[in-house]
Amino acid sequence: TDKAGKAFECVLPTQQTADQDAEYDARIEEEPEELSKLPSLESMLDPLAGRCFLRNEGYWNIELCHKKKIRQFHEEGKKTAVEYSLGEYERTEGPSEEDVTDSPKTAVVRHFFESGTRCDETESYRHAMVEYRCQPGKENHIQLVKETSPCNYTIQFTSPLLCKHPLLAPTVQSKGVNKVMDYLAGLAGSCFYRVEGWWTYE
């Protein structure tokens, strides 16, 4: 009871709650080791090695050969009339595991292509960046080609391969949410009290 004579019920943790606490602590200890064994997001694209992908943009065609080169060309009949190189593969930038975990829907792998055909407008060489994004249920394909500035290109490439990464898989994401719900399961049927001056909250 308090000074005013109000009676309160003291609720002690149940054995179920204690067991769940121990299980949760064990999971936290195991997670860093599990994360260290995860493949990189970039490695999920390995099946694309040796493959080229084509997209028609009206007058122009864009051909992307994975981790090799990009070319822009126009055909008349069955012959290539005009052709430009948009660059040779140079490097990859991928998100960290923390970035993938925090923002799985925006996780992208970027490939940079440099030293393409010289551009008269800029007096430098054409170059491009390819952004690979997860898109479940779709074929590997070039989704968008945009010339962001003269002779500088951004290509969006969507692939279900990235969606197979453990941190992007829907089942893993759901599992992460369920951990919180399971942790609170031991509170079922319990009531809690707090005194705020004249009022008592239950």
Protein backbone atom coordinates (compact mmCIF):
# COMPACT_ATOMS: atom_id res chain seq x y z
CA THR A 1 0.00 0.00 0.00
CA ASP A 2 0.99 3.63 -0.44
CA LYS A 3 0.72 6.47 2.12
CA ALA A 4 -2.92 7.00 1.20
CA GLY A 5 -3.75 3.36 1.88
CA LYS A 6 -4.14 2.44 -1.78
CA ALA A 7 -3.43 -1.25 -2.34
CA PHE A 8 -1.27 -2.37 -5.29
CA GLU A 9 -0.53 -5.75 -6.78
CA CYS A 10 3.15 -6.60 -7.31
CA VAL A 11 3.72 -8.58 -10.50
CA LEU A 12 6.94 -10.62 -10.66
CA PRO A 13 8.38 -11.98 -13.90
CA THR A 14 7.10 -15.43 -14.78
CA GLN A 15 9.38 -18.31 -15.66
CA GLN A 16 8.21 -17.89 -19.26
CA THR A 17 9.44 -14.29 -19.29
CA ALA A 18 12.77 -15.28 -17.78
CA ASP A 19 13.23 -18.00 -20.39
CA GLN A 20 12.42 -15.56 -23.19
CA ASP A 21 14.92 -13.05 -21.78
CA ALA A 22 17.63 -15.70 -21.85
CA GLU A 23 16.72 -16.73 -25.40
CA TYR A 24 16.75 -13.09 -26.58
CA ASP A 25 20.19 -12.48 -25.03
CA ALA A 26 21.51 -15.58 -26.78
CA ARG A 27 20.21 -14.32 -30.13
CA ILE A 28 21.91 -10.96 -29.67
CA GLU A 29 25.22 -12.69 -29.03
CA GLU A 30 24.86 -14.88 -32.13
CA GLU A 31 23.78 -12.15 -34.57
CA PRO A 32 27.22 -10.52 -35.12
CA GLU A 33 28.68 -13.90 -36.06
CA GLU A 34 25.78 -14.58 -38.42
CA LEU A 35 26.18 -11.18 -40.11
CA SER A 36 29.90 -11.77 -40.68
CA LYS A 37 29.05 -14.89 -42.71
CA LEU A 38 26.60 -13.11 -45.02
CA PRO A 39 27.56 -12.73 -48.70
CA SER A 40 28.04 -9.26 -50.10
CA LEU A 41 25.19 -7.75 -52.07
CA GLU A 42 27.52 -7.49 -55.07
CA SER A 43 28.17 -11.27 -55.04
CA MET A 44 24.47 -11.92 -55.68
CA LEU A 45 24.99 -10.54 -59.20
CA ASP A 46 27.63 -13.16 -60.11
CA PRO A 47 25.19 -15.13 -62.36
CA LEU A 48 25.15 -12.11 -64.71
CA ALA A 49 28.82 -12.65 -65.61
CA GLY A 50 29.32 -12.95 -69.38
CA ARG A 51 25.81 -11.72 -70.18
CA CYS A 52 24.76 -8.62 -72.13
CA PHE A 53 21.42 -6.81 -71.93
CA LEU A 54 19.78 -4.62 -74.56
CA ARG A 55 17.30 -1.77 -74.32
CA ASN A 56 15.78 0.17 -77.19
CA GLU A 57 15.44 3.91 -76.64
CA GLY A 58 13.84 4.88 -79.94
CA TYR A 59 16.63 5.91 -82.27
CA TRP A 60 19.30 4.49 -79.97
CA ASN A 61 19.96 1.06 -78.54
CA ILE A 62 21.82 0.61 -75.27
CA GLU A 63 23.80 -2.58 -74.68
CA LEU A 64 25.15 -3.33 -71.21
CA CYS A 65 27.63 -6.19 -70.82
CA HIS A 66 27.90 -6.96 -67.13
CA LYS A 67 31.15 -5.69 -65.61
CA LYS A 68 32.65 -5.23 -69.09
CA LYS A 69 31.34 -2.39 -71.23
CA ILE A 70 28.37 -0.29 -72.35
CA ARG A 71 27.71 0.84 -75.89
CA GLN A 72 25.14 3.09 -77.56
CA PHE A 73 24.37 2.37 -81.20
CA HIS A 74 21.89 2.94 -84.02
CA GLU A 75 21.06 0.31 -86.63
CA GLU A 76 19.87 0.78 -90.21
CA GLY A 77 18.60 -2.45 -91.60
CA LYS A 78 20.69 -5.04 -89.83
CA LYS A 79 23.88 -3.00 -89.81
CA THR A 80 25.25 -0.70 -87.13
CA ALA A 81 25.33 2.80 -88.59
CA VAL A 82 26.51 4.79 -85.54
CA GLU A 83 28.15 3.52 -82.35
CA TYR A 84 29.57 5.12 -79.19
CA SER A 85 31.21 3.55 -76.19
CA LEU A 86 29.73 4.72 -72.89
CA GLY A 87 32.68 3.30 -70.99
CA GLU A 88 34.57 0.25 -69.81
CA TYR A 89 33.91 -1.23 -66.38
CA GLU A 90 36.17 0.32 -63.75
CA ARG A 91 34.87 -0.19 -60.22
CA THR A 92 31.99 -1.20 -57.93
CA GLU A 93 30.45 0.57 -54.96
CA GLY A 94 28.15 -1.48 -52.76
CA PRO A 95 26.24 -0.72 -49.55
CA SER A 96 27.50 -1.88 -46.17
CA GLU A 97 25.57 -4.53 -44.23
CA GLU A 98 24.33 -1.75 -41.93
CA ASP A 99 22.94 0.19 -44.91
CA VAL A 100 21.19 -2.90 -46.26
CA THR A 101 19.70 -3.66 -42.84
CA ASP A 102 18.53 -0.08 -42.19
CA SER A 103 17.15 0.64 -45.68
CA PRO A 104 16.66 -2.64 -47.57
CA LYS A 105 14.30 -1.11 -50.14
CA THR A 106 16.86 1.48 -51.23
CA ALA A 107 19.95 -0.75 -51.18
CA VAL A 108 21.75 -0.53 -54.53
CA VAL A 109 24.98 -1.77 -56.08
CA ARG A 110 26.69 0.75 -58.37
CA HIS A 111 29.04 -0.07 -61.25
CA PHE A 112 31.08 2.74 -62.79
CA PHE A 113 32.17 2.75 -66.44
CA GLU A 114 34.84 5.16 -67.67
CA SER A 115 36.86 6.11 -70.76
CA GLY A 116 34.14 5.85 -73.37
CA THR A 117 34.10 7.57 -76.76
CA ARG A 118 35.29 11.18 -76.60
CA CYS A 119 32.44 13.70 -76.29
CA ASP A 120 32.60 16.84 -78.45
CA GLU A 121 30.34 18.81 -76.10
CA THR A 122 32.45 18.31 -72.98
CA GLU A 123 35.81 17.55 -74.64
CA SER A 124 36.13 14.60 -72.29
CA TYR A 125 35.20 10.93 -72.43
CA ARG A 126 31.75 9.44 -72.07
CA HIS A 127 31.06 7.62 -68.81
CA ALA A 128 28.16 5.89 -67.10
CA MET A 129 26.93 4.57 -63.77
CA VAL A 130 24.73 1.48 -63.49
CA GLU A 131 22.51 1.08 -60.42
CA TYR A 132 21.42 -2.48 -59.65
CA ARG A 133 18.26 -2.78 -57.57
CA CYS A 134 16.20 -5.63 -56.15
CA GLN A 135 12.90 -6.26 -57.92
CA PRO A 136 11.28 -9.61 -57.06
CA GLY A 137 9.36 -11.51 -59.69
CA LYS A 138 10.91 -9.68 -62.66
CA GLU A 139 13.51 -10.67 -65.23
CA ASN A 140 16.97 -9.13 -65.20
CA HIS A 141 16.61 -6.05 -67.38
CA ILE A 142 17.58 -2.45 -68.01
CA GLN A 143 14.70 -0.43 -66.62
CA LEU A 144 15.81 3.12 -67.36
CA VAL A 145 18.52 5.00 -69.27
CA LYS A 146 19.02 8.70 -68.55
CA GLU A 147 21.60 11.17 -69.79
CA THR A 148 21.93 13.21 -66.59
CA SER A 149 24.34 15.67 -68.21
CA PRO A 150 26.04 15.78 -71.63
CA CYS A 151 27.71 12.39 -72.22
CA ASN A 152 27.15 11.32 -68.60
CA TYR A 153 24.67 8.43 -68.23
CA THR A 154 22.78 6.75 -65.41
CA ILE A 155 21.32 3.30 -66.06
CA GLN A 156 18.90 1.58 -63.67
CA PHE A 157 19.03 -2.21 -63.79
CA THR A 158 16.54 -4.32 -61.83
CA SER A 159 17.17 -7.92 -60.87
CA PRO A 160 15.52 -10.59 -58.70
CA LEU A 161 19.02 -11.88 -57.90
CA LEU A 162 19.59 -9.14 -55.32
CA CYS A 163 16.32 -10.08 -53.62
CA LYS A 164 17.85 -13.44 -52.68
CA HIS A 165 20.25 -11.81 -50.25
CA PRO A 166 19.34 -12.84 -46.68
CA LEU A 167 18.97 -9.23 -45.55
CA LEU A 168 16.57 -8.44 -48.41
CA ALA A 169 14.53 -11.65 -48.29
CA PRO A 170 10.97 -10.96 -47.03
CA THR A 171 11.09 -13.96 -44.68
CA VAL A 172 14.16 -12.57 -42.92
CA GLN A 173 12.59 -9.13 -42.59
CA SER A 174 9.46 -10.67 -41.08
CA LYS A 175 11.60 -12.70 -38.71
CA GLY A 176 13.23 -9.51 -37.45
CA VAL A 177 9.80 -8.07 -36.58
CA ASN A 178 8.65 -11.25 -34.90
CA LYS A 179 11.57 -11.14 -32.46
CA VAL A 180 10.08 -8.07 -30.79
CA MET A 181 6.61 -9.61 -30.56
CA ASP A 182 7.98 -12.82 -29.10
CA TYR A 183 9.93 -10.89 -26.53
CA LEU A 184 6.74 -9.23 -25.24
CA ALA A 185 4.69 -12.43 -25.16
CA GLY A 186 5.54 -13.06 -21.50
CA LEU A 187 3.64 -9.90 -20.48
CA ALA A 188 0.30 -11.34 -21.59
CA GLY A 189 -2.27 -11.17 -18.78
CA SER A 190 -0.17 -8.85 -16.59
CA CYS A 191 -1.23 -5.41 -15.32
CA PHE A 192 1.07 -2.54 -14.35
CA TYR A 193 0.50 0.47 -12.11
CA ARG A 194 1.95 3.95 -11.83
CA VAL A 195 1.05 6.69 -9.33
CA GLU A 196 1.06 10.28 -10.67
CA GLY A 197 0.18 12.43 -7.62
CA TRP A 198 -3.58 12.19 -7.07
CA TRP A 199 -4.07 9.74 -9.99
CA THR A 200 -3.18 6.08 -10.32
CA TYR A 201 -2.73 4.59 -13.79
CA GLU A 202 -3.26 0.89 -14.54
